[in-house]
Amino acid sequence: MQALLSHPRLMDCRRLFLSNYEIYINIGVHDFEKRGEQRVLINVDLFVPLIENTPTHDSLEEVVDYDFMRQSIVERVSKGHIHLQETLCDDVAKIMLKHPRVRAVRVSTAKPDVYPDCDAVGVEIFLIKE
């Protein structure tokens, strides 16, 4: 994460985050994964220029609302079965990046219950608006 924060395009940004958002969704390519939901942890970091995310009136309208992150994820996963974590990460990142105040996004997903001998398997993506 430290390397991201030192990226020249992010030096004037505030980082907003959603950490270990736990949801149960239909995800996976194997037959047994298609029969039920799995626990998935989703992490989102939004990088928003300070000039666009520094409140002067202590008002929610002046910043990116955390509800935007959660609601966007809920809407995406409600569309049905997802085969790959890569697809989920890509889709969530693209949705987040469409927000007019967001300059960059980092999204990771993890399936913590796949293997008994590790914490999780997952995917991460980082995108910056041009």
C-alpha atoms as a PDB file:
ATOM      1  CA  MET A   1       0.000   0.000   0.000  1.00  0.00           C
ATOM      2  CA  GLN A   2       2.855   2.389   0.775  1.00  0.00           C
ATOM      3  CA  ALA A   3       4.043   2.194  -2.852  1.00  0.00           C
ATOM      4  CA  LEU A   4       0.594   3.238  -4.069  1.00  0.00           C
ATOM      5  CA  LEU A   5       0.500   6.211  -1.754  1.00  0.00           C
ATOM      6  CA  SER A   6       3.786   7.467  -3.181  1.00  0.00           C
ATOM      7  CA  HIS A   7       2.523   7.345  -6.787  1.00  0.00           C
ATOM      8  CA  PRO A   8       2.801  10.902  -8.187  1.00  0.00           C
ATOM      9  CA  ARG A   9      -0.870  11.017  -9.276  1.00  0.00           C
ATOM     10  CA  LEU A  10      -2.017  10.121  -5.753  1.00  0.00           C
ATOM     11  CA  MET A  11       0.136  12.500  -3.727  1.00  0.00           C
ATOM     12  CA  ASP A  12      -2.715  15.007  -3.407  1.00  0.00           C
ATOM     13  CA  CYS A  13      -5.352  12.389  -2.591  1.00  0.00           C
ATOM     14  CA  ARG A  14      -7.212  11.204   0.441  1.00  0.00           C
ATOM     15  CA  ARG A  15      -7.661   7.432   0.726  1.00  0.00           C
ATOM     16  CA  LEU A  16     -11.129   6.200   1.649  1.00  0.00           C
ATOM     17  CA  PHE A  17     -11.453   2.535   2.443  1.00  0.00           C
ATOM     18  CA  LEU A  18     -13.889  -0.290   3.004  1.00  0.00           C
ATOM     19  CA  SER A  19     -12.073  -3.032   4.860  1.00  0.00           C
ATOM     20  CA  ASN A  20     -12.930  -6.743   4.858  1.00  0.00           C
ATOM     21  CA  TYR A  21     -16.542  -6.277   3.807  1.00  0.00           C
ATOM     22  CA  GLU A  22     -17.908  -9.796   4.320  1.00  0.00           C
ATOM     23  CA  ILE A  23     -20.597 -10.997   1.966  1.00  0.00           C
ATOM     24  CA  TYR A  24     -21.953 -14.368   0.890  1.00  0.00           C
ATOM     25  CA  ILE A  25     -22.273 -14.648  -2.878  1.00  0.00           C
ATOM     26  CA  ASN A  26     -22.531 -17.140  -5.721  1.00  0.00           C
ATOM     27  CA  ILE A  27     -19.002 -17.279  -7.079  1.00  0.00           C
ATOM     28  CA  GLY A  28     -16.791 -19.966  -8.553  1.00  0.00           C
ATOM     29  CA  VAL A  29     -16.231 -22.176 -11.578  1.00  0.00           C
ATOM     30  CA  HIS A  30     -16.581 -25.613  -9.976  1.00  0.00           C
ATOM     31  CA  ASP A  31     -19.926 -27.402  -9.844  1.00  0.00           C
ATOM     32  CA  PHE A  32     -19.983 -27.451  -6.036  1.00  0.00           C
ATOM     33  CA  GLU A  33     -19.428 -23.669  -6.020  1.00  0.00           C
ATOM     34  CA  LYS A  34     -22.421 -23.118  -8.276  1.00  0.00           C
ATOM     35  CA  ARG A  35     -24.805 -24.787  -5.807  1.00  0.00           C
ATOM     36  CA  GLY A  36     -24.503 -22.258  -3.005  1.00  0.00           C
ATOM     37  CA  GLU A  37     -22.999 -19.091  -1.676  1.00  0.00           C
ATOM     38  CA  GLN A  38     -19.437 -18.608  -0.491  1.00  0.00           C
ATOM     39  CA  ARG A  39     -18.004 -16.139   1.961  1.00  0.00           C
ATOM     40  CA  VAL A  40     -16.018 -13.410   0.219  1.00  0.00           C
ATOM     41  CA  LEU A  41     -14.101 -10.536   1.773  1.00  0.00           C
ATOM     42  CA  ILE A  42     -13.916  -7.373  -0.300  1.00  0.00           C
ATOM     43  CA  ASN A  43     -11.565  -4.460   0.264  1.00  0.00           C
ATOM     44  CA  VAL A  44     -11.840  -1.159  -1.560  1.00  0.00           C
ATOM     45  CA  ASP A  45      -9.521   1.845  -1.467  1.00  0.00           C
ATOM     46  CA  LEU A  46     -10.667   4.987  -3.228  1.00  0.00           C
ATOM     47  CA  PHE A  47      -8.205   7.766  -3.932  1.00  0.00           C
ATOM     48  CA  VAL A  48      -9.943  11.126  -4.093  1.00  0.00           C
ATOM     49  CA  PRO A  49      -8.182  14.453  -4.693  1.00  0.00           C
ATOM     50  CA  LEU A  50      -8.173  16.501  -1.508  1.00  0.00           C
ATOM     51  CA  ILE A  51      -9.563  19.483  -3.358  1.00  0.00           C
ATOM     52  CA  GLU A  52     -12.658  17.383  -4.163  1.00  0.00           C
ATOM     53  CA  ASN A  53     -12.943  15.643  -0.803  1.00  0.00           C
ATOM     54  CA  THR A  54     -12.096  18.233   1.820  1.00  0.00           C
ATOM     55  CA  PRO A  55     -15.260  19.389   3.533  1.00  0.00           C
ATOM     56  CA  THR A  56     -15.571  23.061   4.393  1.00  0.00           C
ATOM     57  CA  HIS A  57     -19.071  22.807   5.892  1.00  0.00           C
ATOM     58  CA  ASP A  58     -18.811  19.385   7.566  1.00  0.00           C
ATOM     59  CA  SER A  59     -21.427  18.094   5.143  1.00  0.00           C
ATOM     60  CA  LEU A  60     -21.778  14.630   3.604  1.00  0.00           C
ATOM     61  CA  GLU A  61     -22.468  16.139   0.177  1.00  0.00           C
ATOM     62  CA  GLU A  62     -18.897  17.465   0.105  1.00  0.00           C
ATOM     63  CA  VAL A  63     -17.271  14.024   0.178  1.00  0.00           C
ATOM     64  CA  VAL A  64     -17.579  10.550  -1.328  1.00  0.00           C
ATOM     65  CA  ASP A  65     -20.043   8.663   0.861  1.00  0.00           C
ATOM     66  CA  TYR A  66     -18.935   5.238   2.178  1.00  0.00           C
ATOM     67  CA  ASP A  67     -22.422   3.942   1.342  1.00  0.00           C
ATOM     68  CA  PHE A  68     -21.499   4.340  -2.331  1.00  0.00           C
ATOM     69  CA  MET A  69     -18.862   1.608  -1.973  1.00  0.00           C
ATOM     70  CA  ARG A  70     -21.093  -0.885  -0.156  1.00  0.00           C
ATOM     71  CA  GLN A  71     -24.172  -0.251  -2.279  1.00  0.00           C
ATOM     72  CA  SER A  72     -22.211  -0.574  -5.525  1.00  0.00           C
ATOM     73  CA  ILE A  73     -20.897  -3.965  -4.430  1.00  0.00           C
ATOM     74  CA  VAL A  74     -24.364  -5.144  -3.387  1.00  0.00           C
ATOM     75  CA  GLU A  75     -25.803  -4.085  -6.737  1.00  0.00           C
ATOM     76  CA  ARG A  76     -23.040  -5.872  -8.665  1.00  0.00           C
ATOM     77  CA  VAL A  77     -23.273  -9.180  -6.828  1.00  0.00           C
ATOM     78  CA  SER A  78     -27.067  -9.170  -7.014  1.00  0.00           C
ATOM     79  CA  LYS A  79     -26.836  -9.677 -10.796  1.00  0.00           C
ATOM     80  CA  GLY A  80     -26.228 -13.412 -10.439  1.00  0.00           C
ATOM     81  CA  HIS A  81     -23.486 -15.990 -10.382  1.00  0.00           C
ATOM     82  CA  ILE A  82     -19.920 -14.815 -10.967  1.00  0.00           C
ATOM     83  CA  HIS A  83     -17.384 -17.358 -12.166  1.00  0.00           C
ATOM     84  CA  LEU A  84     -14.117 -15.574 -11.349  1.00  0.00           C
ATOM     85  CA  GLN A  85     -12.817 -13.327  -8.597  1.00  0.00           C
ATOM     86  CA  GLU A  86     -11.017 -11.462 -11.374  1.00  0.00           C
ATOM     87  CA  THR A  87     -14.382 -10.590 -12.920  1.00  0.00           C
ATOM     88  CA  LEU A  88     -15.737  -9.389  -9.589  1.00  0.00           C
ATOM     89  CA  CYS A  89     -12.639  -7.265  -8.895  1.00  0.00           C
ATOM     90  CA  ASP A  90     -12.645  -5.748 -12.376  1.00  0.00           C
ATOM     91  CA  ASP A  91     -16.355  -4.941 -12.256  1.00  0.00           C
ATOM     92  CA  VAL A  92     -16.225  -3.354  -8.797  1.00  0.00           C
ATOM     93  CA  ALA A  93     -13.147  -1.310  -9.708  1.00  0.00           C
ATOM     94  CA  LYS A  94     -14.751   0.001 -12.896  1.00  0.00           C
ATOM     95  CA  ILE A  95     -17.917   0.978 -11.022  1.00  0.00           C
ATOM     96  CA  MET A  96     -15.888   2.827  -8.380  1.00  0.00           C
ATOM     97  CA  LEU A  97     -13.797   4.612 -10.990  1.00  0.00           C
ATOM     98  CA  LYS A  98     -16.931   5.939 -12.709  1.00  0.00           C
ATOM     99  CA  HIS A  99     -17.594   8.145  -9.662  1.00  0.00           C
ATOM    100  CA  PRO A 100     -16.656  11.677 -10.775  1.00  0.00           C
ATOM    101  CA  ARG A 101     -14.621  12.410  -7.638  1.00  0.00           C
ATOM    102  CA  VAL A 102     -12.555   9.200  -7.660  1.00  0.00           C
ATOM    103  CA  ARG A 103      -9.128   9.345  -9.306  1.00  0.00           C
ATOM    104  CA  ALA A 104      -7.930   5.824  -8.533  1.00  0.00           C
ATOM    105  CA  VAL A 105      -9.162   2.611  -6.974  1.00  0.00           C
ATOM    106  CA  ARG A 106      -7.727  -0.543  -5.480  1.00  0.00           C
ATOM    107  CA  VAL A 107     -10.047  -3.523  -5.049  1.00  0.00           C
ATOM    108  CA  SER A 108      -9.258  -6.929  -3.628  1.00  0.00           C
ATOM    109  CA  THR A 109     -11.393  -9.989  -3.081  1.00  0.00           C
ATOM    110  CA  ALA A 110     -10.584 -13.005  -0.964  1.00  0.00           C
ATOM    111  CA  LYS A 111     -12.258 -16.369  -0.501  1.00  0.00           C
ATOM    112  CA  PRO A 112     -11.177 -17.395   3.013  1.00  0.00           C
ATOM    113  CA  ASP A 113     -12.769 -20.839   3.077  1.00  0.00           C
ATOM    114  CA  VAL A 114     -11.243 -22.460  -0.020  1.00  0.00           C
ATOM    115  CA  TYR A 115      -8.190 -24.192   1.474  1.00  0.00           C
ATOM    116  CA  PRO A 116      -7.757 -25.309   5.076  1.00  0.00           C
ATOM    117  CA  ASP A 117      -4.013 -24.620   5.034  1.00  0.00           C
ATOM    118  CA  CYS A 118      -4.079 -20.900   4.141  1.00  0.00           C
ATOM    119  CA  ASP A 119      -5.943 -17.761   5.178  1.00  0.00           C
ATOM    120  CA  ALA A 120      -7.464 -17.047   1.769  1.00  0.00           C
ATOM    121  CA  VAL A 121      -7.105 -17.013  -1.990  1.00  0.00           C
ATOM    122  CA  GLY A 122      -7.751 -13.777  -3.794  1.00  0.00           C
ATOM    123  CA  VAL A 123      -7.281 -11.185  -6.454  1.00  0.00           C
ATOM    124  CA  GLU A 124      -6.383  -7.493  -6.446  1.00  0.00           C
ATOM    125  CA  ILE A 125      -6.584  -4.748  -9.066  1.00  0.00           C
ATOM    126  CA  PHE A 126      -5.449  -1.139  -9.119  1.00  0.00           C
ATOM    127  CA  LEU A 127      -6.697   1.420 -11.679  1.00  0.00           C
ATOM    128  CA  ILE A 128      -6.026   5.134 -12.188  1.00  0.00           C
ATOM    129  CA  LYS A 129      -8.161   7.425 -14.339  1.00  0.00           C
ATOM    130  CA  GLU A 130      -6.321   8.885 -17.300  1.00  0.00           C
END
